[in-house]
Amino acid sequence: MRTKTFFIALILSISLILPYMVIANTDDDTASINKLDEISDEVLQMVKLHRYDEAQRILNYFSNQFVVATGGNQILTSDELRAVTASHNEAVQAAASINMNHEDRLQSVTKFRLVMDTVSTSNQPLWAEMKNPIMSVLGEVKGAAEMGDIDAFHQNFNSFLALYDIIYPSIKLDIDSERIQQLDTRIKYVDQYRTQVLEDEEDSMQELETLAADMEEIFEEITEDEADPSLWWVIISTGSIIILTLSYVGWRKYKGGKKKENNPES
């Protein structure tokens, strides 16, 4: 009888304590992810200042903290784990590269920063704040197509691709995979058939209008909740980086393509 009473008391005690244990573990996981998110921002700030060695050191520290945070706990989904690992590896290569220019380093590290923010927040991710730059450059793409300005079309579309590449790992975590696949297909079509898009004005404008509408819907799917005020300086900083490098990166890629056309043997 005493044994039975003991087990009943034990079960009742566990049922009362367990919810608090779960909450405590959840809080610990959240704190760990938030800490990793803060570290990723430190990396971005160092690269902004051209302090690449310091960025490498912080990235190594991130790796150690990441192992500690995820070693015994499944605090990330498999998709999140892949995105963080891939973007971190790219950031490490960018920070350590001898030949990579500053703009390309910024692109890679910004991508990593946005992924960590997406993993750590459930509303108003930083990548959603890139709506204005990306929709603006798409507007320039459509304008160039309407005017038949080939150089401007290529330059602005390359700028769009550069920006889309930065936010791509993040939107894959937040948006339904089928929607992303449809968007990818449309972007690849415009990219692969640029000449035809420019030559067939009616169809090209329809294709570009649809692309812009798809991008608009992607941004609208993200919650309209107001961002934490403490994040606004990060949002502004990240947005400024992308806006400042956007045109340069797109123009450089376009000029590189033109150089290959003019020197096919090189």
C-alpha atoms as a PDB file:
ATOM      1  CA  MET A   1       0.000   0.000   0.000  1.00  0.00           C
ATOM      2  CA  ARG A   2       2.833   2.345   0.877  1.00  0.00           C
ATOM      3  CA  THR A   3       4.579   1.495  -2.406  1.00  0.00           C
ATOM      4  CA  LYS A   4       1.454   2.267  -4.409  1.00  0.00           C
ATOM      5  CA  THR A   5       1.003   5.559  -2.575  1.00  0.00           C
ATOM      6  CA  PHE A   6       4.642   6.436  -3.249  1.00  0.00           C
ATOM      7  CA  PHE A   7       4.340   5.878  -7.007  1.00  0.00           C
ATOM      8  CA  ILE A   8       1.131   7.877  -7.179  1.00  0.00           C
ATOM      9  CA  ALA A   9       2.834  10.746  -5.369  1.00  0.00           C
ATOM     10  CA  LEU A  10       5.850  10.449  -7.682  1.00  0.00           C
ATOM     11  CA  ILE A  11       3.704  10.583 -10.808  1.00  0.00           C
ATOM     12  CA  LEU A  12       1.821  13.601  -9.488  1.00  0.00           C
ATOM     13  CA  SER A  13       5.084  15.370  -8.676  1.00  0.00           C
ATOM     14  CA  ILE A  14       6.506  14.722 -12.139  1.00  0.00           C
ATOM     15  CA  SER A  15       3.291  15.930 -13.806  1.00  0.00           C
ATOM     16  CA  LEU A  16       3.535  19.159 -11.829  1.00  0.00           C
ATOM     17  CA  ILE A  17       7.249  19.734 -12.416  1.00  0.00           C
ATOM     18  CA  LEU A  18       7.526  18.640 -16.077  1.00  0.00           C
ATOM     19  CA  PRO A  19       5.835  21.727 -17.634  1.00  0.00           C
ATOM     20  CA  TYR A  20       8.271  23.977 -15.811  1.00  0.00           C
ATOM     21  CA  MET A  21      11.195  21.838 -16.997  1.00  0.00           C
ATOM     22  CA  VAL A  22       9.962  22.162 -20.591  1.00  0.00           C
ATOM     23  CA  ILE A  23       9.607  25.928 -20.239  1.00  0.00           C
ATOM     24  CA  ALA A  24      13.082  26.169 -18.749  1.00  0.00           C
ATOM     25  CA  ASN A  25      14.582  24.165 -21.618  1.00  0.00           C
ATOM     26  CA  THR A  26      12.708  26.277 -24.152  1.00  0.00           C
ATOM     27  CA  ASP A  27      14.009  29.459 -22.559  1.00  0.00           C
ATOM     28  CA  ASP A  28      17.554  28.080 -22.617  1.00  0.00           C
ATOM     29  CA  ASP A  29      17.233  27.166 -26.298  1.00  0.00           C
ATOM     30  CA  THR A  30      15.885  30.618 -27.127  1.00  0.00           C
ATOM     31  CA  ALA A  31      18.738  32.254 -25.241  1.00  0.00           C
ATOM     32  CA  SER A  32      21.268  30.101 -27.103  1.00  0.00           C
ATOM     33  CA  ILE A  33      19.826  30.994 -30.506  1.00  0.00           C
ATOM     34  CA  ASN A  34      19.638  34.681 -29.602  1.00  0.00           C
ATOM     35  CA  LYS A  35      23.278  34.610 -28.568  1.00  0.00           C
ATOM     36  CA  LEU A  36      24.263  33.046 -31.904  1.00  0.00           C
ATOM     37  CA  ASP A  37      22.188  35.691 -33.678  1.00  0.00           C
ATOM     38  CA  GLU A  38      24.076  38.445 -31.849  1.00  0.00           C
ATOM     39  CA  ILE A  39      27.396  36.864 -32.793  1.00  0.00           C
ATOM     40  CA  SER A  40      26.405  36.812 -36.468  1.00  0.00           C
ATOM     41  CA  ASP A  41      25.704  40.543 -36.260  1.00  0.00           C
ATOM     42  CA  GLU A  42      29.167  41.123 -34.787  1.00  0.00           C
ATOM     43  CA  VAL A  43      30.648  39.337 -37.796  1.00  0.00           C
ATOM     44  CA  LEU A  44      28.758  41.617 -40.156  1.00  0.00           C
ATOM     45  CA  GLN A  45      29.915  44.719 -38.336  1.00  0.00           C
ATOM     46  CA  MET A  46      33.564  43.599 -38.521  1.00  0.00           C
ATOM     47  CA  VAL A  47      33.349  42.953 -42.255  1.00  0.00           C
ATOM     48  CA  LYS A  48      31.715  46.344 -42.774  1.00  0.00           C
ATOM     49  CA  LEU A  49      34.793  47.864 -41.160  1.00  0.00           C
ATOM     50  CA  HIS A  50      37.146  45.734 -43.311  1.00  0.00           C
ATOM     51  CA  ARG A  51      38.322  43.939 -40.170  1.00  0.00           C
ATOM     52  CA  TYR A  52      38.397  40.522 -41.798  1.00  0.00           C
ATOM     53  CA  ASP A  53      40.770  38.866 -39.317  1.00  0.00           C
ATOM     54  CA  GLU A  54      38.487  39.860 -36.477  1.00  0.00           C
ATOM     55  CA  ALA A  55      35.508  38.543 -38.430  1.00  0.00           C
ATOM     56  CA  GLN A  56      37.289  35.204 -38.828  1.00  0.00           C
ATOM     57  CA  ARG A  57      37.928  35.028 -35.108  1.00  0.00           C
ATOM     58  CA  ILE A  58      34.277  35.706 -34.318  1.00  0.00           C
ATOM     59  CA  LEU A  59      33.145  33.151 -36.903  1.00  0.00           C
ATOM     60  CA  ASN A  60      35.327  30.548 -35.195  1.00  0.00           C
ATOM     61  CA  TYR A  61      33.799  31.522 -31.871  1.00  0.00           C
ATOM     62  CA  PHE A  62      30.361  31.133 -33.456  1.00  0.00           C
ATOM     63  CA  SER A  63      31.285  27.577 -34.512  1.00  0.00           C
ATOM     64  CA  ASN A  64      32.238  26.660 -30.950  1.00  0.00           C
ATOM     65  CA  GLN A  65      29.096  28.184 -29.496  1.00  0.00           C
ATOM     66  CA  PHE A  66      26.983  26.533 -32.169  1.00  0.00           C
ATOM     67  CA  VAL A  67      28.332  23.109 -31.230  1.00  0.00           C
ATOM     68  CA  VAL A  68      27.632  23.806 -27.557  1.00  0.00           C
ATOM     69  CA  ALA A  69      24.086  25.005 -28.289  1.00  0.00           C
ATOM     70  CA  THR A  70      23.108  22.212 -30.671  1.00  0.00           C
ATOM     71  CA  GLY A  71      25.270  19.349 -29.450  1.00  0.00           C
ATOM     72  CA  GLY A  72      22.772  17.802 -27.071  1.00  0.00           C
ATOM     73  CA  ASN A  73      19.612  19.598 -28.144  1.00  0.00           C
ATOM     74  CA  GLN A  74      17.579  19.601 -31.320  1.00  0.00           C
ATOM     75  CA  ILE A  75      16.882  23.307 -31.256  1.00  0.00           C
ATOM     76  CA  LEU A  76      16.928  23.685 -35.042  1.00  0.00           C
ATOM     77  CA  THR A  77      15.000  21.915 -37.761  1.00  0.00           C
ATOM     78  CA  SER A  78      16.949  20.050 -40.431  1.00  0.00           C
ATOM     79  CA  ASP A  79      16.266  22.875 -42.922  1.00  0.00           C
ATOM     80  CA  GLU A  80      17.454  25.493 -40.452  1.00  0.00           C
ATOM     81  CA  LEU A  81      20.558  23.479 -39.653  1.00  0.00           C
ATOM     82  CA  ARG A  82      21.451  23.193 -43.352  1.00  0.00           C
ATOM     83  CA  ALA A  83      20.850  26.902 -43.958  1.00  0.00           C
ATOM     84  CA  VAL A  84      22.942  28.000 -40.981  1.00  0.00           C
ATOM     85  CA  THR A  85      25.770  25.603 -41.811  1.00  0.00           C
ATOM     86  CA  ALA A  86      25.904  26.553 -45.501  1.00  0.00           C
ATOM     87  CA  SER A  87      25.720  30.302 -44.907  1.00  0.00           C
ATOM     88  CA  HIS A  88      28.287  30.105 -42.102  1.00  0.00           C
ATOM     89  CA  ASN A  89      30.705  28.189 -44.331  1.00  0.00           C
ATOM     90  CA  GLU A  90      30.262  30.796 -47.053  1.00  0.00           C
ATOM     91  CA  ALA A  91      30.883  33.591 -44.545  1.00  0.00           C
ATOM     92  CA  VAL A  92      34.053  31.862 -43.329  1.00  0.00           C
ATOM     93  CA  GLN A  93      35.365  31.568 -46.886  1.00  0.00           C
ATOM     94  CA  ALA A  94      34.528  35.213 -47.566  1.00  0.00           C
ATOM     95  CA  ALA A  95      36.283  36.467 -44.450  1.00  0.00           C
ATOM     96  CA  ALA A  96      39.369  34.329 -45.084  1.00  0.00           C
ATOM     97  CA  SER A  97      39.645  34.917 -48.844  1.00  0.00           C
ATOM     98  CA  ILE A  98      42.674  36.783 -50.098  1.00  0.00           C
ATOM     99  CA  ASN A  99      41.253  37.633 -53.520  1.00  0.00           C
ATOM    100  CA  MET A 100      37.574  38.358 -52.770  1.00  0.00           C
ATOM    101  CA  ASN A 101      36.635  42.031 -52.935  1.00  0.00           C
ATOM    102  CA  HIS A 102      34.862  43.841 -50.122  1.00  0.00           C
ATOM    103  CA  GLU A 103      31.428  43.902 -51.781  1.00  0.00           C
ATOM    104  CA  ASP A 104      31.367  40.136 -52.294  1.00  0.00           C
ATOM    105  CA  ARG A 105      32.470  39.595 -48.703  1.00  0.00           C
ATOM    106  CA  LEU A 106      29.604  41.770 -47.547  1.00  0.00           C
ATOM    107  CA  GLN A 107      27.120  39.820 -49.628  1.00  0.00           C
ATOM    108  CA  SER A 108      28.191  36.495 -48.138  1.00  0.00           C
ATOM    109  CA  VAL A 109      28.281  37.714 -44.549  1.00  0.00           C
ATOM    110  CA  THR A 110      24.955  39.540 -44.914  1.00  0.00           C
ATOM    111  CA  LYS A 111      23.417  36.292 -46.149  1.00  0.00           C
ATOM    112  CA  PHE A 112      24.672  34.563 -43.003  1.00  0.00           C
ATOM    113  CA  ARG A 113      23.359  37.391 -40.830  1.00  0.00           C
ATOM    114  CA  LEU A 114      19.881  37.193 -42.355  1.00  0.00           C
ATOM    115  CA  VAL A 115      19.724  33.413 -41.956  1.00  0.00           C
ATOM    116  CA  MET A 116      20.558  33.630 -38.252  1.00  0.00           C
ATOM    117  CA  ASP A 117      17.942  36.340 -37.770  1.00  0.00           C
ATOM    118  CA  THR A 118      15.338  34.207 -39.550  1.00  0.00           C
ATOM    119  CA  VAL A 119      16.137  31.251 -37.314  1.00  0.00           C
ATOM    120  CA  SER A 120      15.975  33.341 -34.150  1.00  0.00           C
ATOM    121  CA  THR A 121      12.818  35.370 -34.796  1.00  0.00           C
ATOM    122  CA  SER A 122       9.228  34.408 -35.509  1.00  0.00           C
ATOM    123  CA  ASN A 123       7.998  37.755 -36.804  1.00  0.00           C
ATOM    124  CA  GLN A 124       9.278  40.587 -38.951  1.00  0.00           C
ATOM    125  CA  PRO A 125      12.558  38.956 -40.037  1.00  0.00           C
ATOM    126  CA  LEU A 126      15.271  41.245 -41.339  1.00  0.00           C
ATOM    127  CA  TRP A 127      15.028  39.868 -44.847  1.00  0.00           C
ATOM    128  CA  ALA A 128      11.457  41.198 -45.074  1.00  0.00           C
ATOM    129  CA  GLU A 129      12.849  44.712 -44.645  1.00  0.00           C
ATOM    130  CA  MET A 130      14.562  44.277 -48.004  1.00  0.00           C
ATOM    131  CA  LYS A 131      11.228  44.670 -49.768  1.00  0.00           C
ATOM    132  CA  ASN A 132      11.809  48.262 -50.850  1.00  0.00           C
ATOM    133  CA  PRO A 133      15.275  47.719 -52.384  1.00  0.00           C
ATOM    134  CA  ILE A 134      14.271  44.560 -54.216  1.00  0.00           C
ATOM    135  CA  MET A 135      10.971  45.911 -55.523  1.00  0.00           C
ATOM    136  CA  SER A 136      12.699  49.138 -56.529  1.00  0.00           C
ATOM    137  CA  VAL A 137      15.304  47.352 -58.617  1.00  0.00           C
ATOM    138  CA  LEU A 138      12.584  45.219 -60.234  1.00  0.00           C
ATOM    139  CA  GLY A 139      10.878  48.459 -61.185  1.00  0.00           C
ATOM    140  CA  GLU A 140      14.123  49.564 -62.832  1.00  0.00           C
ATOM    141  CA  VAL A 141      14.251  46.257 -64.700  1.00  0.00           C
ATOM    142  CA  LYS A 142      10.744  46.779 -66.081  1.00  0.00           C
ATOM    143  CA  GLY A 143      11.501  50.391 -66.964  1.00  0.00           C
ATOM    144  CA  ALA A 144      14.629  49.390 -68.862  1.00  0.00           C
ATOM    145  CA  ALA A 145      12.683  46.710 -70.739  1.00  0.00           C
ATOM    146  CA  GLU A 146      10.006  49.221 -71.726  1.00  0.00           C
ATOM    147  CA  MET A 147      12.646  51.662 -72.995  1.00  0.00           C
ATOM    148  CA  GLY A 148      14.580  48.925 -74.770  1.00  0.00           C
ATOM    149  CA  ASP A 149      17.692  49.928 -72.822  1.00  0.00           C
ATOM    150  CA  ILE A 150      19.725  46.717 -73.029  1.00  0.00           C
ATOM    151  CA  ASP A 151      22.605  47.817 -70.785  1.00  0.00           C
ATOM    152  CA  ALA A 152      20.303  49.104 -68.059  1.00  0.00           C
ATOM    153  CA  PHE A 153      18.169  45.954 -68.257  1.00  0.00           C
ATOM    154  CA  HIS A 154      21.169  43.653 -67.761  1.00  0.00           C
ATOM    155  CA  GLN A 155      22.661  45.818 -65.039  1.00  0.00           C
ATOM    156  CA  ASN A 156      19.445  46.044 -63.024  1.00  0.00           C
ATOM    157  CA  PHE A 157      18.493  42.417 -63.472  1.00  0.00           C
ATOM    158  CA  ASN A 158      21.950  41.371 -62.274  1.00  0.00           C
ATOM    159  CA  SER A 159      21.439  43.645 -59.294  1.00  0.00           C
ATOM    160  CA  PHE A 160      18.131  41.914 -58.612  1.00  0.00           C
ATOM    161  CA  LEU A 161      19.807  38.506 -58.815  1.00  0.00           C
ATOM    162  CA  ALA A 162      22.517  39.636 -56.378  1.00  0.00           C
ATOM    163  CA  LEU A 163      19.935  40.830 -53.883  1.00  0.00           C
ATOM    164  CA  TYR A 164      17.739  37.764 -54.306  1.00  0.00           C
ATOM    165  CA  ASP A 165      20.760  35.545 -53.689  1.00  0.00           C
ATOM    166  CA  ILE A 166      21.348  37.286 -50.354  1.00  0.00           C
ATOM    167  CA  ILE A 167      17.826  36.700 -49.030  1.00  0.00           C
ATOM    168  CA  TYR A 168      17.244  33.330 -50.725  1.00  0.00           C
ATOM    169  CA  PRO A 169      18.370  31.035 -47.860  1.00  0.00           C
ATOM    170  CA  SER A 170      16.193  33.021 -45.464  1.00  0.00           C
ATOM    171  CA  ILE A 171      13.014  33.027 -47.518  1.00  0.00           C
ATOM    172  CA  LYS A 172      13.358  29.275 -48.013  1.00  0.00           C
ATOM    173  CA  LEU A 173      12.952  28.939 -44.250  1.00  0.00           C
ATOM    174  CA  ASP A 174       9.900  31.198 -44.043  1.00  0.00           C
ATOM    175  CA  ILE A 175       7.979  30.578 -47.272  1.00  0.00           C
ATOM    176  CA  ASP A 176       6.311  27.435 -48.578  1.00  0.00           C
ATOM    177  CA  SER A 177       8.703  25.396 -50.750  1.00  0.00           C
ATOM    178  CA  GLU A 178       6.227  25.174 -53.638  1.00  0.00           C
ATOM    179  CA  ARG A 179       5.958  28.955 -53.795  1.00  0.00           C
ATOM    180  CA  ILE A 180       9.728  29.302 -53.775  1.00  0.00           C
ATOM    181  CA  GLN A 181      10.074  26.739 -56.551  1.00  0.00           C
ATOM    182  CA  GLN A 182       7.588  28.618 -58.728  1.00  0.00           C
ATOM    183  CA  LEU A 183       9.443  31.867 -58.100  1.00  0.00           C
ATOM    184  CA  ASP A 184      12.789  30.253 -58.907  1.00  0.00           C
ATOM    185  CA  THR A 185      11.433  28.914 -62.182  1.00  0.00           C
ATOM    186  CA  ARG A 186      10.214  32.345 -63.244  1.00  0.00           C
ATOM    187  CA  ILE A 187      13.489  34.044 -62.339  1.00  0.00           C
ATOM    188  CA  LYS A 188      15.551  31.428 -64.155  1.00  0.00           C
ATOM    189  CA  TYR A 189      13.372  31.812 -67.254  1.00  0.00           C
ATOM    190  CA  VAL A 190      13.900  35.588 -67.422  1.00  0.00           C
ATOM    191  CA  ASP A 191      17.614  35.156 -66.737  1.00  0.00           C
ATOM    192  CA  GLN A 192      18.133  32.438 -69.357  1.00  0.00           C
ATOM    193  CA  TYR A 193      16.072  34.105 -72.088  1.00  0.00           C
ATOM    194  CA  ARG A 194      17.039  37.734 -71.574  1.00  0.00           C
ATOM    195  CA  THR A 195      17.372  38.460 -75.285  1.00  0.00           C
ATOM    196  CA  GLN A 196      13.955  37.031 -76.094  1.00  0.00           C
ATOM    197  CA  VAL A 197      12.437  38.888 -73.145  1.00  0.00           C
ATOM    198  CA  LEU A 198      13.769  42.172 -74.491  1.00  0.00           C
ATOM    199  CA  GLU A 199      12.743  41.485 -78.084  1.00  0.00           C
ATOM    200  CA  ASP A 200       9.163  40.407 -77.331  1.00  0.00           C
ATOM    201  CA  GLU A 201       7.899  43.504 -75.563  1.00  0.00           C
ATOM    202  CA  GLU A 202       4.351  42.363 -74.768  1.00  0.00           C
ATOM    203  CA  ASP A 203       5.284  38.940 -73.425  1.00  0.00           C
ATOM    204  CA  SER A 204       8.342  40.268 -71.614  1.00  0.00           C
ATOM    205  CA  MET A 205       6.361  42.889 -69.751  1.00  0.00           C
ATOM    206  CA  GLN A 206       3.817  40.269 -68.741  1.00  0.00           C
ATOM    207  CA  GLU A 207       6.621  38.024 -67.480  1.00  0.00           C
ATOM    208  CA  LEU A 208       8.231  40.842 -65.519  1.00  0.00           C
ATOM    209  CA  GLU A 209       4.896  41.994 -64.095  1.00  0.00           C
ATOM    210  CA  THR A 210       4.208  38.464 -62.887  1.00  0.00           C
ATOM    211  CA  LEU A 211       7.675  38.213 -61.369  1.00  0.00           C
ATOM    212  CA  ALA A 212       7.145  41.484 -59.498  1.00  0.00           C
ATOM    213  CA  ALA A 213       3.714  40.310 -58.309  1.00  0.00           C
ATOM    214  CA  ASP A 214       5.193  37.032 -57.073  1.00  0.00           C
ATOM    215  CA  MET A 215       7.888  38.872 -55.132  1.00  0.00           C
ATOM    216  CA  GLU A 216       5.272  41.221 -53.661  1.00  0.00           C
ATOM    217  CA  GLU A 217       3.234  38.242 -52.456  1.00  0.00           C
ATOM    218  CA  ILE A 218       6.310  36.659 -50.882  1.00  0.00           C
ATOM    219  CA  PHE A 219       6.876  39.772 -48.792  1.00  0.00           C
ATOM    220  CA  GLU A 220       3.187  40.067 -47.925  1.00  0.00           C
ATOM    221  CA  GLU A 221       3.161  36.544 -46.506  1.00  0.00           C
ATOM    222  CA  ILE A 222       5.436  37.686 -43.714  1.00  0.00           C
ATOM    223  CA  THR A 223       3.640  39.049 -40.680  1.00  0.00           C
ATOM    224  CA  GLU A 224       2.918  42.750 -40.576  1.00  0.00           C
ATOM    225  CA  ASP A 225       3.768  42.924 -36.862  1.00  0.00           C
ATOM    226  CA  GLU A 226       6.018  45.820 -36.034  1.00  0.00           C
ATOM    227  CA  ALA A 227       9.656  44.948 -35.506  1.00  0.00           C
ATOM    228  CA  ASP A 228      11.309  45.181 -32.116  1.00  0.00           C
ATOM    229  CA  PRO A 229      12.688  48.759 -31.849  1.00  0.00           C
ATOM    230  CA  SER A 230      16.067  47.333 -30.834  1.00  0.00           C
ATOM    231  CA  LEU A 231      16.307  45.679 -34.244  1.00  0.00           C
ATOM    232  CA  TRP A 232      15.793  48.814 -36.303  1.00  0.00           C
ATOM    233  CA  TRP A 233      19.456  49.808 -36.250  1.00  0.00           C
ATOM    234  CA  VAL A 234      20.306  46.328 -37.514  1.00  0.00           C
ATOM    235  CA  ILE A 235      17.644  46.583 -40.214  1.00  0.00           C
ATOM    236  CA  ILE A 236      18.888  49.986 -41.342  1.00  0.00           C
ATOM    237  CA  SER A 237      22.498  48.840 -41.263  1.00  0.00           C
ATOM    238  CA  THR A 238      21.814  45.684 -43.245  1.00  0.00           C
ATOM    239  CA  GLY A 239      19.611  47.510 -45.737  1.00  0.00           C
ATOM    240  CA  SER A 240      22.257  50.175 -46.283  1.00  0.00           C
ATOM    241  CA  ILE A 241      24.901  47.558 -46.991  1.00  0.00           C
ATOM    242  CA  ILE A 242      22.765  45.883 -49.627  1.00  0.00           C
ATOM    243  CA  ILE A 243      21.609  49.117 -51.244  1.00  0.00           C
ATOM    244  CA  LEU A 244      25.153  50.474 -51.466  1.00  0.00           C
ATOM    245  CA  THR A 245      26.601  47.311 -52.988  1.00  0.00           C
ATOM    246  CA  LEU A 246      23.624  46.381 -55.148  1.00  0.00           C
ATOM    247  CA  SER A 247      24.320  48.513 -58.205  1.00  0.00           C
ATOM    248  CA  TYR A 248      28.061  47.961 -58.081  1.00  0.00           C
ATOM    249  CA  VAL A 249      27.782  44.179 -57.934  1.00  0.00           C
ATOM    250  CA  GLY A 250      25.207  44.062 -60.712  1.00  0.00           C
ATOM    251  CA  TRP A 251      27.254  46.367 -62.936  1.00  0.00           C
ATOM    252  CA  ARG A 252      30.448  44.415 -62.320  1.00  0.00           C
ATOM    253  CA  LYS A 253      28.778  41.133 -63.247  1.00  0.00           C
ATOM    254  CA  TYR A 254      27.306  42.692 -66.376  1.00  0.00           C
ATOM    255  CA  LYS A 255      30.664  44.125 -67.438  1.00  0.00           C
ATOM    256  CA  GLY A 256      32.262  40.747 -66.791  1.00  0.00           C
ATOM    257  CA  GLY A 257      29.723  39.110 -69.067  1.00  0.00           C
ATOM    258  CA  LYS A 258      30.336  41.682 -71.788  1.00  0.00           C
ATOM    259  CA  LYS A 259      34.083  41.113 -71.498  1.00  0.00           C
ATOM    260  CA  LYS A 260      33.613  37.379 -72.057  1.00  0.00           C
ATOM    261  CA  GLU A 261      31.449  38.090 -75.105  1.00  0.00           C
ATOM    262  CA  ASN A 262      34.117  40.335 -76.570  1.00  0.00           C
ATOM    263  CA  ASN A 263      36.919  37.871 -75.724  1.00  0.00           C
ATOM    264  CA  PRO A 264      35.376  34.401 -76.199  1.00  0.00           C
ATOM    265  CA  GLU A 265      38.765  32.684 -76.039  1.00  0.00           C
ATOM    266  CA  SER A 266      39.659  34.145 -72.618  1.00  0.00           C
END
